Amino acid sequence: MSVLVIADHDLGVLSPATARVVGAVAELGPIDLLVIGQNTDTVATDAARLAGIRKVLVVKGVSATDSDVSVIQSLATEHQYVVQSAGSVGKDRLPRLAAKLDLMPVTDVVKILGPNRFERPIYAGNALQTVTDDQPRHILTIRASAFRAAATGNNAPIEVIDISVVSAAKLIAAHRTESDTPDLATAQIVVGGGVALGSAENFHLIEALAKRLGAAIGATRAAVDAGYAPNDWQVGQTGKIIAPDLYIAIGISGALQHLAGIQGAKKIVAINTDPEAPLVKLADVALIGDLFEIIPQLMTELDKAGLKR
């Protein structure tokens, strides 16, 4: 059985989520990796280095509109599995592909138990569901944060394929938040802030601490709704699901929606004035006090340790 993994990439850079997806499906069969879009030369070269890749397929000149699904559909007949990370693109793309193929997708997979048995979270992450998929072909979205990345060192061949498609949609504009911080969904360290910070200006404290630690920045939905942080920083059931080695939660009480997004965190440090907050009780380490006093003290200690940036 063969696997078609669709690469996630942006601005000519392969997303770390792709290596994690490749690692997740390594036992399912030979893997072909599909790269769709513009500026894909470096993406394809980096993808070819991932262990387990049989070959890299490159389709140029196709944007992330309805035509990308037509491309994938034309290649899906040669594979038993079509897989992508459960990011914003994968969540949009693979259900449309499944509809075209008259298949049921299995989404947000966090564990692969066998060729047709998969585990996924339900009820806001409070329970795990085992799905047995007896369909002839499997459409999967993988929660990348739940898996380790595939190793590198491979030298898979790169094959450029020519597929003619007619698109009914046109990309008018792309709006993005520029950032030099690690990708939130795959970062090893995440510093998150809540509505207790009080303003967008105070969120600079979170940014300063994250910069010292080389960490990604997260925020609660309440902080995002209040305008303190951009949407792509949101962590939780309706935001990004994270599984860092260390999560530092600052001024976050721990609403169920937010807890659903951080269940994979290995270690949690909570900074809060309320010792009874749900996230404080869940944390491995809790610092009880005013965040506006604790964070500057913490950064001073980090500077002494040589982590000033």
C-alpha atoms as a PDB file:
ATOM      1  CA  MET A   1       0.000   0.000   0.000  1.00  0.00           C
ATOM      2  CA  SER A   2       1.348   3.406  -0.946  1.00  0.00           C
ATOM      3  CA  VAL A   3       0.890   6.788   0.700  1.00  0.00           C
ATOM      4  CA  LEU A   4       0.554  10.229  -0.868  1.00  0.00           C
ATOM      5  CA  VAL A   5       1.598  12.940   1.593  1.00  0.00           C
ATOM      6  CA  ILE A   6       0.804  16.519   0.592  1.00  0.00           C
ATOM      7  CA  ALA A   7       3.510  18.940   1.714  1.00  0.00           C
ATOM      8  CA  ASP A   8       2.750  22.068   3.690  1.00  0.00           C
ATOM      9  CA  HIS A   9       4.917  25.007   2.650  1.00  0.00           C
ATOM     10  CA  ASP A  10       4.873  28.787   2.673  1.00  0.00           C
ATOM     11  CA  LEU A  11       7.041  31.423   0.980  1.00  0.00           C
ATOM     12  CA  GLY A  12       9.254  28.725  -0.498  1.00  0.00           C
ATOM     13  CA  VAL A  13       9.955  27.016   2.849  1.00  0.00           C
ATOM     14  CA  LEU A  14       8.875  23.489   3.791  1.00  0.00           C
ATOM     15  CA  SER A  15       6.771  23.469   6.967  1.00  0.00           C
ATOM     16  CA  PRO A  16       8.083  21.430   9.922  1.00  0.00           C
ATOM     17  CA  ALA A  17       4.639  19.825  10.055  1.00  0.00           C
ATOM     18  CA  THR A  18       5.417  17.894   6.863  1.00  0.00           C
ATOM     19  CA  ALA A  19       8.293  15.982   8.479  1.00  0.00           C
ATOM     20  CA  ARG A  20       5.996  15.052  11.357  1.00  0.00           C
ATOM     21  CA  VAL A  21       3.295  13.797   8.989  1.00  0.00           C
ATOM     22  CA  VAL A  22       5.891  11.693   7.142  1.00  0.00           C
ATOM     23  CA  GLY A  23       7.035  10.270  10.471  1.00  0.00           C
ATOM     24  CA  ALA A  24       3.431   9.483  11.410  1.00  0.00           C
ATOM     25  CA  VAL A  25       2.653   7.418   8.295  1.00  0.00           C
ATOM     26  CA  ALA A  26       6.045   5.756   7.880  1.00  0.00           C
ATOM     27  CA  GLU A  27       4.662   2.292   8.682  1.00  0.00           C
ATOM     28  CA  LEU A  28       1.744   2.478   6.243  1.00  0.00           C
ATOM     29  CA  GLY A  29       3.792   1.933   3.075  1.00  0.00           C
ATOM     30  CA  PRO A  30       6.036   3.638   0.517  1.00  0.00           C
ATOM     31  CA  ILE A  31       5.560   7.407   0.639  1.00  0.00           C
ATOM     32  CA  ASP A  32       5.309   9.770  -2.302  1.00  0.00           C
ATOM     33  CA  LEU A  33       5.359  13.423  -1.298  1.00  0.00           C
ATOM     34  CA  LEU A  34       3.391  15.925  -3.386  1.00  0.00           C
ATOM     35  CA  VAL A  35       4.451  19.578  -3.594  1.00  0.00           C
ATOM     36  CA  ILE A  36       1.905  21.953  -5.142  1.00  0.00           C
ATOM     37  CA  GLY A  37       2.273  25.667  -5.778  1.00  0.00           C
ATOM     38  CA  GLN A  38       4.766  28.405  -6.565  1.00  0.00           C
ATOM     39  CA  ASN A  39       8.457  28.735  -5.564  1.00  0.00           C
ATOM     40  CA  THR A  40       8.765  25.024  -4.866  1.00  0.00           C
ATOM     41  CA  ASP A  41      12.377  24.246  -5.844  1.00  0.00           C
ATOM     42  CA  THR A  42      13.794  24.549  -2.328  1.00  0.00           C
ATOM     43  CA  VAL A  43      10.689  22.930  -0.846  1.00  0.00           C
ATOM     44  CA  ALA A  44      11.111  19.877  -3.083  1.00  0.00           C
ATOM     45  CA  THR A  45      14.830  19.602  -2.309  1.00  0.00           C
ATOM     46  CA  ASP A  46      14.209  19.719   1.451  1.00  0.00           C
ATOM     47  CA  ALA A  47      11.349  17.238   1.146  1.00  0.00           C
ATOM     48  CA  ALA A  48      13.550  14.782  -0.742  1.00  0.00           C
ATOM     49  CA  ARG A  49      15.854  14.602   2.295  1.00  0.00           C
ATOM     50  CA  LEU A  50      13.145  13.223   4.587  1.00  0.00           C
ATOM     51  CA  ALA A  51      13.603   9.578   5.513  1.00  0.00           C
ATOM     52  CA  GLY A  52      10.979   7.255   4.069  1.00  0.00           C
ATOM     53  CA  ILE A  53      10.192   9.303   0.974  1.00  0.00           C
ATOM     54  CA  ARG A  54      10.197   7.193  -2.195  1.00  0.00           C
ATOM     55  CA  LYS A  55       9.905  10.162  -4.549  1.00  0.00           C
ATOM     56  CA  VAL A  56       8.845  13.793  -4.571  1.00  0.00           C
ATOM     57  CA  LEU A  57       6.178  14.855  -7.063  1.00  0.00           C
ATOM     58  CA  VAL A  58       6.128  18.530  -8.001  1.00  0.00           C
ATOM     59  CA  VAL A  59       3.201  20.276  -9.672  1.00  0.00           C
ATOM     60  CA  LYS A  60       3.997  23.914 -10.433  1.00  0.00           C
ATOM     61  CA  GLY A  61       1.683  26.813 -11.188  1.00  0.00           C
ATOM     62  CA  VAL A  62      -1.310  25.508  -9.204  1.00  0.00           C
ATOM     63  CA  SER A  63      -2.510  27.674  -6.326  1.00  0.00           C
ATOM     64  CA  ALA A  64      -4.440  26.635  -3.233  1.00  0.00           C
ATOM     65  CA  THR A  65      -7.859  27.026  -4.806  1.00  0.00           C
ATOM     66  CA  ASP A  66     -10.266  24.442  -6.189  1.00  0.00           C
ATOM     67  CA  SER A  67      -7.702  23.353  -8.798  1.00  0.00           C
ATOM     68  CA  ASP A  68      -5.343  21.885  -6.191  1.00  0.00           C
ATOM     69  CA  VAL A  69      -7.988  19.310  -5.266  1.00  0.00           C
ATOM     70  CA  SER A  70      -8.336  18.342  -8.922  1.00  0.00           C
ATOM     71  CA  VAL A  71      -4.576  17.703  -9.044  1.00  0.00           C
ATOM     72  CA  ILE A  72      -4.658  15.555  -5.917  1.00  0.00           C
ATOM     73  CA  GLN A  73      -7.705  13.679  -7.166  1.00  0.00           C
ATOM     74  CA  SER A  74      -5.878  12.732 -10.369  1.00  0.00           C
ATOM     75  CA  LEU A  75      -3.031  11.242  -8.310  1.00  0.00           C
ATOM     76  CA  ALA A  76      -5.119   9.669  -5.552  1.00  0.00           C
ATOM     77  CA  THR A  77      -6.088   6.648  -7.652  1.00  0.00           C
ATOM     78  CA  GLU A  78      -2.475   5.445  -7.474  1.00  0.00           C
ATOM     79  CA  HIS A  79      -2.370   5.506  -3.650  1.00  0.00           C
ATOM     80  CA  GLN A  80      -4.265   3.866  -0.811  1.00  0.00           C
ATOM     81  CA  TYR A  81      -3.722   6.809   1.527  1.00  0.00           C
ATOM     82  CA  VAL A  82      -3.877  10.555   0.910  1.00  0.00           C
ATOM     83  CA  VAL A  83      -2.561  12.470   3.919  1.00  0.00           C
ATOM     84  CA  GLN A  84      -1.895  16.053   4.998  1.00  0.00           C
ATOM     85  CA  SER A  85      -1.404  17.821   8.309  1.00  0.00           C
ATOM     86  CA  ALA A  86      -4.535  19.007  10.108  1.00  0.00           C
ATOM     87  CA  GLY A  87      -3.575  22.651   9.624  1.00  0.00           C
ATOM     88  CA  SER A  88      -5.763  25.279   8.001  1.00  0.00           C
ATOM     89  CA  VAL A  89      -4.930  24.135   4.447  1.00  0.00           C
ATOM     90  CA  GLY A  90      -5.373  20.434   5.167  1.00  0.00           C
ATOM     91  CA  LYS A  91      -8.656  21.019   6.987  1.00  0.00           C
ATOM     92  CA  ASP A  92      -9.953  22.909   3.961  1.00  0.00           C
ATOM     93  CA  ARG A  93      -8.494  20.732   1.223  1.00  0.00           C
ATOM     94  CA  LEU A  94      -8.961  17.092   2.231  1.00  0.00           C
ATOM     95  CA  PRO A  95     -12.688  17.190   3.050  1.00  0.00           C
ATOM     96  CA  ARG A  96     -13.247  18.611  -0.439  1.00  0.00           C
ATOM     97  CA  LEU A  97     -11.113  15.830  -1.877  1.00  0.00           C
ATOM     98  CA  ALA A  98     -13.035  13.231   0.116  1.00  0.00           C
ATOM     99  CA  ALA A  99     -16.329  14.566  -1.248  1.00  0.00           C
ATOM    100  CA  LYS A 100     -15.049  14.291  -4.816  1.00  0.00           C
ATOM    101  CA  LEU A 101     -13.915  10.696  -4.176  1.00  0.00           C
ATOM    102  CA  ASP A 102     -17.120   9.814  -2.271  1.00  0.00           C
ATOM    103  CA  LEU A 103     -15.122   8.829   0.810  1.00  0.00           C
ATOM    104  CA  MET A 104     -15.303   9.685   4.509  1.00  0.00           C
ATOM    105  CA  PRO A 105     -12.173  11.451   5.760  1.00  0.00           C
ATOM    106  CA  VAL A 106     -10.665  10.579   9.120  1.00  0.00           C
ATOM    107  CA  THR A 107      -9.570  13.866  10.653  1.00  0.00           C
ATOM    108  CA  ASP A 108      -7.221  14.982  13.443  1.00  0.00           C
ATOM    109  CA  VAL A 109      -5.488  11.603  13.740  1.00  0.00           C
ATOM    110  CA  VAL A 110      -3.206  11.452  16.806  1.00  0.00           C
ATOM    111  CA  LYS A 111      -2.244   7.774  16.647  1.00  0.00           C
ATOM    112  CA  ILE A 112      -2.099   5.153  13.909  1.00  0.00           C
ATOM    113  CA  LEU A 113      -3.018   1.738  15.322  1.00  0.00           C
ATOM    114  CA  GLY A 114      -2.959  -0.236  12.072  1.00  0.00           C
ATOM    115  CA  PRO A 115      -3.562  -0.028   8.324  1.00  0.00           C
ATOM    116  CA  ASN A 116      -7.189   1.017   8.851  1.00  0.00           C
ATOM    117  CA  ARG A 117      -7.428   1.878  12.571  1.00  0.00           C
ATOM    118  CA  PHE A 118      -6.839   5.407  13.765  1.00  0.00           C
ATOM    119  CA  GLU A 119      -7.211   7.329  17.010  1.00  0.00           C
ATOM    120  CA  ARG A 120      -8.609  10.849  17.138  1.00  0.00           C
ATOM    121  CA  PRO A 121      -9.748  13.194  19.943  1.00  0.00           C
ATOM    122  CA  ILE A 122     -13.429  14.002  20.471  1.00  0.00           C
ATOM    123  CA  TYR A 123     -15.435  16.093  22.975  1.00  0.00           C
ATOM    124  CA  ALA A 124     -12.874  18.919  22.980  1.00  0.00           C
ATOM    125  CA  GLY A 125     -10.069  16.462  23.605  1.00  0.00           C
ATOM    126  CA  ASN A 126     -11.675  14.922  26.693  1.00  0.00           C
ATOM    127  CA  ALA A 127     -11.977  11.503  25.058  1.00  0.00           C
ATOM    128  CA  LEU A 128     -10.223   9.523  22.330  1.00  0.00           C
ATOM    129  CA  GLN A 129     -12.115   7.706  19.603  1.00  0.00           C
ATOM    130  CA  THR A 130     -10.785   4.676  17.738  1.00  0.00           C
ATOM    131  CA  VAL A 131     -11.961   4.712  14.123  1.00  0.00           C
ATOM    132  CA  THR A 132     -11.903   1.617  11.917  1.00  0.00           C
ATOM    133  CA  ASP A 133     -11.934   2.725   8.302  1.00  0.00           C
ATOM    134  CA  ASP A 134     -12.941  -0.111   5.943  1.00  0.00           C
ATOM    135  CA  GLN A 135     -13.047   2.065   2.828  1.00  0.00           C
ATOM    136  CA  PRO A 136     -10.882   1.085  -0.151  1.00  0.00           C
ATOM    137  CA  ARG A 137      -8.927   4.358   0.141  1.00  0.00           C
ATOM    138  CA  HIS A 138      -8.163   6.464   3.202  1.00  0.00           C
ATOM    139  CA  ILE A 139      -8.206  10.260   3.441  1.00  0.00           C
ATOM    140  CA  LEU A 140      -6.423  11.377   6.605  1.00  0.00           C
ATOM    141  CA  THR A 141      -5.530  14.640   8.287  1.00  0.00           C
ATOM    142  CA  ILE A 142      -2.781  14.234  10.877  1.00  0.00           C
ATOM    143  CA  ARG A 143      -2.377  16.314  14.017  1.00  0.00           C
ATOM    144  CA  ALA A 144       1.315  16.971  13.441  1.00  0.00           C
ATOM    145  CA  SER A 145       2.041  17.983  17.031  1.00  0.00           C
ATOM    146  CA  ALA A 146       1.256  14.412  18.171  1.00  0.00           C
ATOM    147  CA  PHE A 147       4.125  12.822  16.206  1.00  0.00           C
ATOM    148  CA  ARG A 148       7.902  13.033  16.019  1.00  0.00           C
ATOM    149  CA  ALA A 149       9.445  14.336  12.818  1.00  0.00           C
ATOM    150  CA  ALA A 150      10.971  11.967  10.285  1.00  0.00           C
ATOM    151  CA  ALA A 151      14.758  11.901  10.155  1.00  0.00           C
ATOM    152  CA  THR A 152      16.714  13.448   7.288  1.00  0.00           C
ATOM    153  CA  GLY A 153      19.552  12.126   5.121  1.00  0.00           C
ATOM    154  CA  ASN A 154      17.493  10.716   2.268  1.00  0.00           C
ATOM    155  CA  ASN A 155      18.032  11.635  -1.380  1.00  0.00           C
ATOM    156  CA  ALA A 156      14.727  10.795  -3.011  1.00  0.00           C
ATOM    157  CA  PRO A 157      14.259  11.557  -6.720  1.00  0.00           C
ATOM    158  CA  ILE A 158      12.258  14.652  -7.672  1.00  0.00           C
ATOM    159  CA  GLU A 159       9.773  14.327 -10.504  1.00  0.00           C
ATOM    160  CA  VAL A 160       8.047  17.335 -12.056  1.00  0.00           C
ATOM    161  CA  ILE A 161       4.655  16.334 -13.421  1.00  0.00           C
ATOM    162  CA  ASP A 162       2.468  18.274 -15.826  1.00  0.00           C
ATOM    163  CA  ILE A 163      -1.231  18.227 -15.018  1.00  0.00           C
ATOM    164  CA  SER A 164      -3.585  20.549 -16.850  1.00  0.00           C
ATOM    165  CA  VAL A 165      -6.465  21.825 -14.731  1.00  0.00           C
ATOM    166  CA  VAL A 166      -9.103  24.492 -15.176  1.00  0.00           C
ATOM    167  CA  SER A 167      -9.708  26.599 -12.091  1.00  0.00           C
ATOM    168  CA  ALA A 168     -13.059  28.199 -11.323  1.00  0.00           C
ATOM    169  CA  ALA A 169     -11.564  30.243  -8.495  1.00  0.00           C
ATOM    170  CA  LYS A 170      -8.991  33.007  -8.481  1.00  0.00           C
ATOM    171  CA  LEU A 171      -6.734  34.038  -5.603  1.00  0.00           C
ATOM    172  CA  ILE A 172      -7.161  37.786  -5.181  1.00  0.00           C
ATOM    173  CA  ALA A 173      -4.885  38.511  -2.215  1.00  0.00           C
ATOM    174  CA  ALA A 174      -3.064  36.892   0.681  1.00  0.00           C
ATOM    175  CA  HIS A 175      -2.861  38.542   4.103  1.00  0.00           C
ATOM    176  CA  ARG A 176      -0.305  37.316   6.631  1.00  0.00           C
ATOM    177  CA  THR A 177       1.256  38.227   9.942  1.00  0.00           C
ATOM    178  CA  GLU A 178       5.017  38.593   9.586  1.00  0.00           C
ATOM    179  CA  SER A 179       6.970  36.880  12.357  1.00  0.00           C
ATOM    180  CA  ASP A 180      10.437  35.504  13.006  1.00  0.00           C
ATOM    181  CA  THR A 181       9.269  33.221  15.826  1.00  0.00           C
ATOM    182  CA  PRO A 182       9.028  29.410  15.456  1.00  0.00           C
ATOM    183  CA  ASP A 183       5.896  27.815  14.023  1.00  0.00           C
ATOM    184  CA  LEU A 184       3.352  27.601  16.834  1.00  0.00           C
ATOM    185  CA  ALA A 185       1.985  24.180  15.922  1.00  0.00           C
ATOM    186  CA  THR A 186       5.396  22.465  15.997  1.00  0.00           C
ATOM    187  CA  ALA A 187       7.449  24.619  18.403  1.00  0.00           C
ATOM    188  CA  GLN A 188       9.311  22.938  21.275  1.00  0.00           C
ATOM    189  CA  ILE A 189       8.729  25.919  23.586  1.00  0.00           C
ATOM    190  CA  VAL A 190       5.599  28.085  23.620  1.00  0.00           C
ATOM    191  CA  VAL A 191       4.914  31.160  25.735  1.00  0.00           C
ATOM    192  CA  GLY A 192       1.198  31.913  25.956  1.00  0.00           C
ATOM    193  CA  GLY A 193      -0.631  34.957  27.257  1.00  0.00           C
ATOM    194  CA  GLY A 194      -4.179  35.508  28.438  1.00  0.00           C
ATOM    195  CA  VAL A 195      -6.616  38.368  28.710  1.00  0.00           C
ATOM    196  CA  ALA A 196      -5.142  39.227  32.130  1.00  0.00           C
ATOM    197  CA  LEU A 197      -2.329  41.052  30.312  1.00  0.00           C
ATOM    198  CA  GLY A 198      -4.817  43.856  29.775  1.00  0.00           C
ATOM    199  CA  SER A 199      -3.678  45.282  26.427  1.00  0.00           C
ATOM    200  CA  ALA A 200      -1.813  44.653  23.185  1.00  0.00           C
ATOM    201  CA  GLU A 201       1.044  46.785  24.519  1.00  0.00           C
ATOM    202  CA  ASN A 202       1.420  44.556  27.570  1.00  0.00           C
ATOM    203  CA  PHE A 203       1.601  41.540  25.249  1.00  0.00           C
ATOM    204  CA  HIS A 204       5.085  42.799  24.349  1.00  0.00           C
ATOM    205  CA  LEU A 205       6.138  41.178  27.639  1.00  0.00           C
ATOM    206  CA  ILE A 206       5.129  37.815  26.181  1.00  0.00           C
ATOM    207  CA  GLU A 207       7.007  38.559  22.984  1.00  0.00           C
ATOM    208  CA  ALA A 208      10.153  39.603  24.867  1.00  0.00           C
ATOM    209  CA  LEU A 209      10.161  36.440  26.973  1.00  0.00           C
ATOM    210  CA  ALA A 210       9.513  34.252  23.941  1.00  0.00           C
ATOM    211  CA  LYS A 211      12.395  35.871  22.077  1.00  0.00           C
ATOM    212  CA  ARG A 212      14.805  35.116  24.917  1.00  0.00           C
ATOM    213  CA  LEU A 213      13.738  31.476  24.941  1.00  0.00           C
ATOM    214  CA  GLY A 214      13.550  31.042  21.163  1.00  0.00           C
ATOM    215  CA  ALA A 215       9.890  30.176  21.682  1.00  0.00           C
ATOM    216  CA  ALA A 216       6.674  30.524  19.719  1.00  0.00           C
ATOM    217  CA  ILE A 217       3.962  32.863  20.995  1.00  0.00           C
ATOM    218  CA  GLY A 218       0.446  31.735  21.856  1.00  0.00           C
ATOM    219  CA  ALA A 219      -2.690  33.429  23.156  1.00  0.00           C
ATOM    220  CA  THR A 220      -6.099  32.509  24.479  1.00  0.00           C
ATOM    221  CA  ARG A 221      -9.234  33.128  22.479  1.00  0.00           C
ATOM    222  CA  ALA A 222     -10.255  35.847  24.942  1.00  0.00           C
ATOM    223  CA  ALA A 223      -6.967  37.676  24.355  1.00  0.00           C
ATOM    224  CA  VAL A 224      -7.397  37.396  20.591  1.00  0.00           C
ATOM    225  CA  ASP A 225     -11.028  38.552  20.729  1.00  0.00           C
ATOM    226  CA  ALA A 226      -9.944  41.531  22.834  1.00  0.00           C
ATOM    227  CA  GLY A 227      -7.479  42.542  20.131  1.00  0.00           C
ATOM    228  CA  TYR A 228      -4.387  41.873  22.243  1.00  0.00           C
ATOM    229  CA  ALA A 229      -2.958  39.273  19.857  1.00  0.00           C
ATOM    230  CA  PRO A 230      -3.429  38.253  16.196  1.00  0.00           C
ATOM    231  CA  ASN A 231      -5.659  35.334  15.238  1.00  0.00           C
ATOM    232  CA  ASP A 232      -2.779  33.074  14.233  1.00  0.00           C
ATOM    233  CA  TRP A 233      -1.510  33.082  17.826  1.00  0.00           C
ATOM    234  CA  GLN A 234      -4.714  31.542  19.162  1.00  0.00           C
ATOM    235  CA  VAL A 235      -4.269  28.228  20.968  1.00  0.00           C
ATOM    236  CA  GLY A 236      -7.213  25.995  21.766  1.00  0.00           C
ATOM    237  CA  GLN A 237     -10.076  24.016  20.370  1.00  0.00           C
ATOM    238  CA  THR A 238     -10.868  26.691  17.784  1.00  0.00           C
ATOM    239  CA  GLY A 239      -7.228  27.726  17.369  1.00  0.00           C
ATOM    240  CA  LYS A 240      -4.006  25.765  17.038  1.00  0.00           C
ATOM    241  CA  ILE A 241      -3.324  22.501  18.824  1.00  0.00           C
ATOM    242  CA  ILE A 242       0.151  22.449  20.335  1.00  0.00           C
ATOM    243  CA  ALA A 243       2.365  19.818  21.974  1.00  0.00           C
ATOM    244  CA  PRO A 244       5.580  21.587  23.029  1.00  0.00           C
ATOM    245  CA  ASP A 245       8.190  20.246  25.414  1.00  0.00           C
ATOM    246  CA  LEU A 246       7.532  23.344  27.558  1.00  0.00           C
ATOM    247  CA  TYR A 247       4.438  25.561  27.717  1.00  0.00           C
ATOM    248  CA  ILE A 248       4.633  28.739  29.804  1.00  0.00           C
ATOM    249  CA  ALA A 249       1.093  30.021  30.442  1.00  0.00           C
ATOM    250  CA  ILE A 250       0.958  33.619  31.666  1.00  0.00           C
ATOM    251  CA  GLY A 251      -2.274  35.085  33.009  1.00  0.00           C
ATOM    252  CA  ILE A 252      -4.307  32.153  31.684  1.00  0.00           C
ATOM    253  CA  SER A 253      -7.000  30.681  33.927  1.00  0.00           C
ATOM    254  CA  GLY A 254      -7.487  27.578  31.815  1.00  0.00           C
ATOM    255  CA  ALA A 255     -10.875  27.542  30.103  1.00  0.00           C
ATOM    256  CA  LEU A 256     -11.880  24.160  28.653  1.00  0.00           C
ATOM    257  CA  GLN A 257     -11.435  25.462  25.104  1.00  0.00           C
ATOM    258  CA  HIS A 258      -7.823  26.415  25.827  1.00  0.00           C
ATOM    259  CA  LEU A 259      -6.989  23.232  27.736  1.00  0.00           C
ATOM    260  CA  ALA A 260      -8.142  21.215  24.723  1.00  0.00           C
ATOM    261  CA  GLY A 261      -5.342  22.787  22.701  1.00  0.00           C
ATOM    262  CA  ILE A 262      -2.464  22.136  25.110  1.00  0.00           C
ATOM    263  CA  GLN A 263      -3.078  18.570  26.271  1.00  0.00           C
ATOM    264  CA  GLY A 264       0.008  17.364  24.443  1.00  0.00           C
ATOM    265  CA  ALA A 265       2.379  19.705  26.310  1.00  0.00           C
ATOM    266  CA  LYS A 266       5.123  17.775  28.130  1.00  0.00           C
ATOM    267  CA  LYS A 267       5.692  20.357  30.885  1.00  0.00           C
ATOM    268  CA  ILE A 268       3.487  23.299  31.875  1.00  0.00           C
ATOM    269  CA  VAL A 269       4.557  26.342  33.869  1.00  0.00           C
ATOM    270  CA  ALA A 270       1.672  28.574  34.977  1.00  0.00           C
ATOM    271  CA  ILE A 271       2.041  32.179  36.162  1.00  0.00           C
ATOM    272  CA  ASN A 272      -1.160  33.435  37.742  1.00  0.00           C
ATOM    273  CA  THR A 273      -2.510  35.338  40.750  1.00  0.00           C
ATOM    274  CA  ASP A 274      -5.191  32.686  41.360  1.00  0.00           C
ATOM    275  CA  PRO A 275      -3.924  29.451  42.939  1.00  0.00           C
ATOM    276  CA  GLU A 276      -7.301  27.825  42.248  1.00  0.00           C
ATOM    277  CA  ALA A 277      -7.252  28.451  38.463  1.00  0.00           C
ATOM    278  CA  PRO A 278      -7.731  25.200  36.487  1.00  0.00           C
ATOM    279  CA  LEU A 279      -4.471  25.626  34.576  1.00  0.00           C
ATOM    280  CA  VAL A 280      -2.541  26.312  37.798  1.00  0.00           C
ATOM    281  CA  LYS A 281      -3.796  23.002  39.224  1.00  0.00           C
ATOM    282  CA  LEU A 282      -2.844  21.227  36.004  1.00  0.00           C
ATOM    283  CA  ALA A 283       0.641  22.783  35.782  1.00  0.00           C
ATOM    284  CA  ASP A 284       3.868  21.018  36.677  1.00  0.00           C
ATOM    285  CA  VAL A 285       5.195  24.300  38.121  1.00  0.00           C
ATOM    286  CA  ALA A 286       3.048  27.212  39.330  1.00  0.00           C
ATOM    287  CA  LEU A 287       4.264  30.724  40.120  1.00  0.00           C
ATOM    288  CA  ILE A 288       1.602  32.579  42.085  1.00  0.00           C
ATOM    289  CA  GLY A 289       1.841  36.341  41.853  1.00  0.00           C
ATOM    290  CA  ASP A 290       1.570  39.429  39.679  1.00  0.00           C
ATOM    291  CA  LEU A 291       2.759  38.600  36.162  1.00  0.00           C
ATOM    292  CA  PHE A 292       4.020  42.184  35.722  1.00  0.00           C
ATOM    293  CA  GLU A 293       6.453  41.545  38.560  1.00  0.00           C
ATOM    294  CA  ILE A 294       7.330  37.926  37.809  1.00  0.00           C
ATOM    295  CA  ILE A 295       8.046  38.279  34.082  1.00  0.00           C
ATOM    296  CA  PRO A 296      10.655  41.085  34.420  1.00  0.00           C
ATOM    297  CA  GLN A 297      12.350  39.113  37.215  1.00  0.00           C
ATOM    298  CA  LEU A 298      12.337  35.989  35.067  1.00  0.00           C
ATOM    299  CA  MET A 299      13.850  37.833  32.098  1.00  0.00           C
ATOM    300  CA  THR A 300      16.550  39.307  34.350  1.00  0.00           C
ATOM    301  CA  GLU A 301      17.518  35.792  35.450  1.00  0.00           C
ATOM    302  CA  LEU A 302      17.527  34.603  31.836  1.00  0.00           C
ATOM    303  CA  ASP A 303      19.804  37.508  30.904  1.00  0.00           C
ATOM    304  CA  LYS A 304      22.190  36.480  33.681  1.00  0.00           C
ATOM    305  CA  ALA A 305      22.167  32.950  32.279  1.00  0.00           C
ATOM    306  CA  GLY A 306      23.225  34.269  28.877  1.00  0.00           C
ATOM    307  CA  LEU A 307      19.826  34.038  27.129  1.00  0.00           C
ATOM    308  CA  LYS A 308      19.546  37.749  26.333  1.00  0.00           C
ATOM    309  CA  ARG A 309      18.540  38.333  22.694  1.00  0.00           C
END
